[in-house]
Amino acid sequence: MYIGRVTGTVVATIHQETFDRHKTLLVDQLDLNGQPTGYYDIAVDMVQAGVGDVVLVLDEGNSARQIIDKEPDGAIRAVIVGVVDEITLDNGR
């Protein structure tokens, strides 16, 4: 799992049926300072996130497929499972 920021929408007119009725979003992974790490995922949106939202991403394929009820089949690796309202870090890390 990681925290990321939605930076775009991915549209495909021809796609595998697992993606029917699901929006796909481009998500940049963030570090602890809220800066992009250079890593990204194309994730299935389960929570009505939008561009600019900070989100919680589950990026493990088997769990992702279970969330969209396509396990064991389906070509899903990452899903957005939450929109983050606030992050609090312990200063003592």
C-alpha atoms as a PDB file:
ATOM      1  CA  MET A   1       0.000   0.000   0.000  1.00  0.00           C
ATOM      2  CA  TYR A   2       1.089   3.553  -0.545  1.00  0.00           C
ATOM      3  CA  ILE A   3      -0.157   7.119  -0.562  1.00  0.00           C
ATOM      4  CA  GLY A   4      -0.327   8.850  -3.929  1.00  0.00           C
ATOM      5  CA  ARG A   5      -1.790  11.780  -5.821  1.00  0.00           C
ATOM      6  CA  VAL A   6      -4.123  11.320  -8.768  1.00  0.00           C
ATOM      7  CA  THR A   7      -2.545  13.119 -11.724  1.00  0.00           C
ATOM      8  CA  GLY A   8      -4.720  11.999 -14.607  1.00  0.00           C
ATOM      9  CA  THR A   9      -7.399   9.785 -16.085  1.00  0.00           C
ATOM     10  CA  VAL A  10      -6.648   6.832 -18.352  1.00  0.00           C
ATOM     11  CA  VAL A  11      -9.215   6.179 -21.094  1.00  0.00           C
ATOM     12  CA  ALA A  12      -9.240   3.066 -23.266  1.00  0.00           C
ATOM     13  CA  THR A  13     -12.020   2.465 -25.766  1.00  0.00           C
ATOM     14  CA  ILE A  14     -10.956  -1.155 -26.142  1.00  0.00           C
ATOM     15  CA  HIS A  15     -10.078  -2.944 -22.908  1.00  0.00           C
ATOM     16  CA  GLN A  16     -10.310  -6.240 -21.058  1.00  0.00           C
ATOM     17  CA  GLU A  17     -13.808  -6.831 -19.624  1.00  0.00           C
ATOM     18  CA  THR A  18     -12.534  -6.664 -16.028  1.00  0.00           C
ATOM     19  CA  PHE A  19     -12.356  -2.892 -16.485  1.00  0.00           C
ATOM     20  CA  ASP A  20     -16.004  -2.512 -17.554  1.00  0.00           C
ATOM     21  CA  ARG A  21     -17.787   0.073 -15.366  1.00  0.00           C
ATOM     22  CA  HIS A  22     -14.524   1.028 -13.603  1.00  0.00           C
ATOM     23  CA  LYS A  23     -12.663   4.320 -13.961  1.00  0.00           C
ATOM     24  CA  THR A  24      -8.872   4.062 -14.259  1.00  0.00           C
ATOM     25  CA  LEU A  25      -6.645   6.811 -12.896  1.00  0.00           C
ATOM     26  CA  LEU A  26      -2.944   7.627 -13.090  1.00  0.00           C
ATOM     27  CA  VAL A  27      -1.521   7.856  -9.552  1.00  0.00           C
ATOM     28  CA  ASP A  28       1.937   9.198  -8.619  1.00  0.00           C
ATOM     29  CA  GLN A  29       3.406   7.577  -5.517  1.00  0.00           C
ATOM     30  CA  LEU A  30       4.349  10.142  -2.832  1.00  0.00           C
ATOM     31  CA  ASP A  31       7.171  10.119  -0.279  1.00  0.00           C
ATOM     32  CA  LEU A  32       6.732  11.089   3.396  1.00  0.00           C
ATOM     33  CA  ASN A  33       7.140  14.763   2.487  1.00  0.00           C
ATOM     34  CA  GLY A  34       4.307  14.577  -0.051  1.00  0.00           C
ATOM     35  CA  GLN A  35       6.633  14.772  -3.052  1.00  0.00           C
ATOM     36  CA  PRO A  36       6.351  12.474  -6.100  1.00  0.00           C
ATOM     37  CA  THR A  37       8.838   9.582  -6.056  1.00  0.00           C
ATOM     38  CA  GLY A  38       8.901   8.993  -9.802  1.00  0.00           C
ATOM     39  CA  TYR A  39       6.902   5.773  -9.445  1.00  0.00           C
ATOM     40  CA  TYR A  40       3.311   5.535 -10.602  1.00  0.00           C
ATOM     41  CA  ASP A  41       0.439   3.106 -11.131  1.00  0.00           C
ATOM     42  CA  ILE A  42      -2.629   3.006 -13.288  1.00  0.00           C
ATOM     43  CA  ALA A  43      -5.209   2.142 -10.655  1.00  0.00           C
ATOM     44  CA  VAL A  44      -8.878   1.194 -10.703  1.00  0.00           C
ATOM     45  CA  ASP A  45     -10.911   3.762  -8.762  1.00  0.00           C
ATOM     46  CA  MET A  46     -13.215   2.275  -6.117  1.00  0.00           C
ATOM     47  CA  VAL A  47     -13.952   5.494  -4.180  1.00  0.00           C
ATOM     48  CA  GLN A  48     -14.828   8.194  -6.749  1.00  0.00           C
ATOM     49  CA  ALA A  49     -11.416   9.908  -6.545  1.00  0.00           C
ATOM     50  CA  GLY A  50     -10.484  12.657  -8.947  1.00  0.00           C
ATOM     51  CA  VAL A  51      -7.465  14.475 -10.322  1.00  0.00           C
ATOM     52  CA  GLY A  52      -5.591  16.222  -7.500  1.00  0.00           C
ATOM     53  CA  ASP A  53      -6.891  13.948  -4.727  1.00  0.00           C
ATOM     54  CA  VAL A  54      -4.442  12.309  -2.325  1.00  0.00           C
ATOM     55  CA  VAL A  55      -5.401   8.636  -2.219  1.00  0.00           C
ATOM     56  CA  LEU A  56      -4.565   5.317  -0.563  1.00  0.00           C
ATOM     57  CA  VAL A  57      -3.554   2.727  -3.170  1.00  0.00           C
ATOM     58  CA  LEU A  58      -3.522  -1.022  -2.711  1.00  0.00           C
ATOM     59  CA  ASP A  59      -0.908  -2.216  -5.208  1.00  0.00           C
ATOM     60  CA  GLU A  60      -0.890  -5.972  -4.726  1.00  0.00           C
ATOM     61  CA  GLY A  61      -2.656  -7.857  -7.498  1.00  0.00           C
ATOM     62  CA  ASN A  62      -4.390 -10.647  -5.590  1.00  0.00           C
ATOM     63  CA  SER A  63      -5.886  -8.299  -2.983  1.00  0.00           C
ATOM     64  CA  ALA A  64      -6.843  -5.827  -5.715  1.00  0.00           C
ATOM     65  CA  ARG A  65      -8.758  -8.512  -7.610  1.00  0.00           C
ATOM     66  CA  GLN A  66     -10.546  -9.543  -4.402  1.00  0.00           C
ATOM     67  CA  ILE A  67     -11.727  -5.959  -3.855  1.00  0.00           C
ATOM     68  CA  ILE A  68     -13.340  -5.789  -7.291  1.00  0.00           C
ATOM     69  CA  ASP A  69     -14.603  -9.374  -6.941  1.00  0.00           C
ATOM     70  CA  LYS A  70     -12.562 -10.718  -9.896  1.00  0.00           C
ATOM     71  CA  GLU A  71     -10.294 -13.112  -7.980  1.00  0.00           C
ATOM     72  CA  PRO A  72      -8.566 -15.311  -9.152  1.00  0.00           C
ATOM     73  CA  ASP A  73      -9.019 -13.983 -12.717  1.00  0.00           C
ATOM     74  CA  GLY A  74      -8.692 -10.414 -13.853  1.00  0.00           C
ATOM     75  CA  ALA A  75      -5.925  -8.105 -14.965  1.00  0.00           C
ATOM     76  CA  ILE A  76      -5.961  -5.739 -11.987  1.00  0.00           C
ATOM     77  CA  ARG A  77      -2.820  -4.858 -10.046  1.00  0.00           C
ATOM     78  CA  ALA A  78      -3.707  -1.617  -8.215  1.00  0.00           C
ATOM     79  CA  VAL A  79      -6.918  -0.130  -6.803  1.00  0.00           C
ATOM     80  CA  ILE A  80      -7.668   3.152  -5.096  1.00  0.00           C
ATOM     81  CA  VAL A  81      -9.291   2.220  -1.785  1.00  0.00           C
ATOM     82  CA  GLY A  82      -9.501   5.572  -0.007  1.00  0.00           C
ATOM     83  CA  VAL A  83      -9.291   9.348  -0.322  1.00  0.00           C
ATOM     84  CA  VAL A  84      -6.889  10.727   2.311  1.00  0.00           C
ATOM     85  CA  ASP A  85      -8.163  13.625   4.423  1.00  0.00           C
ATOM     86  CA  GLU A  86      -5.140  14.112   6.654  1.00  0.00           C
ATOM     87  CA  ILE A  87      -1.709  12.619   7.353  1.00  0.00           C
ATOM     88  CA  THR A  88      -0.019  13.036  10.731  1.00  0.00           C
ATOM     89  CA  LEU A  89       3.622  11.991  11.165  1.00  0.00           C
ATOM     90  CA  ASP A  90       5.363  11.393  14.484  1.00  0.00           C
ATOM     91  CA  ASN A  91       8.271  13.862  14.613  1.00  0.00           C
ATOM     92  CA  GLY A  92      10.430  11.228  16.315  1.00  0.00           C
ATOM     93  CA  ARG A  93      10.292   8.818  13.333  1.00  0.00           C
END
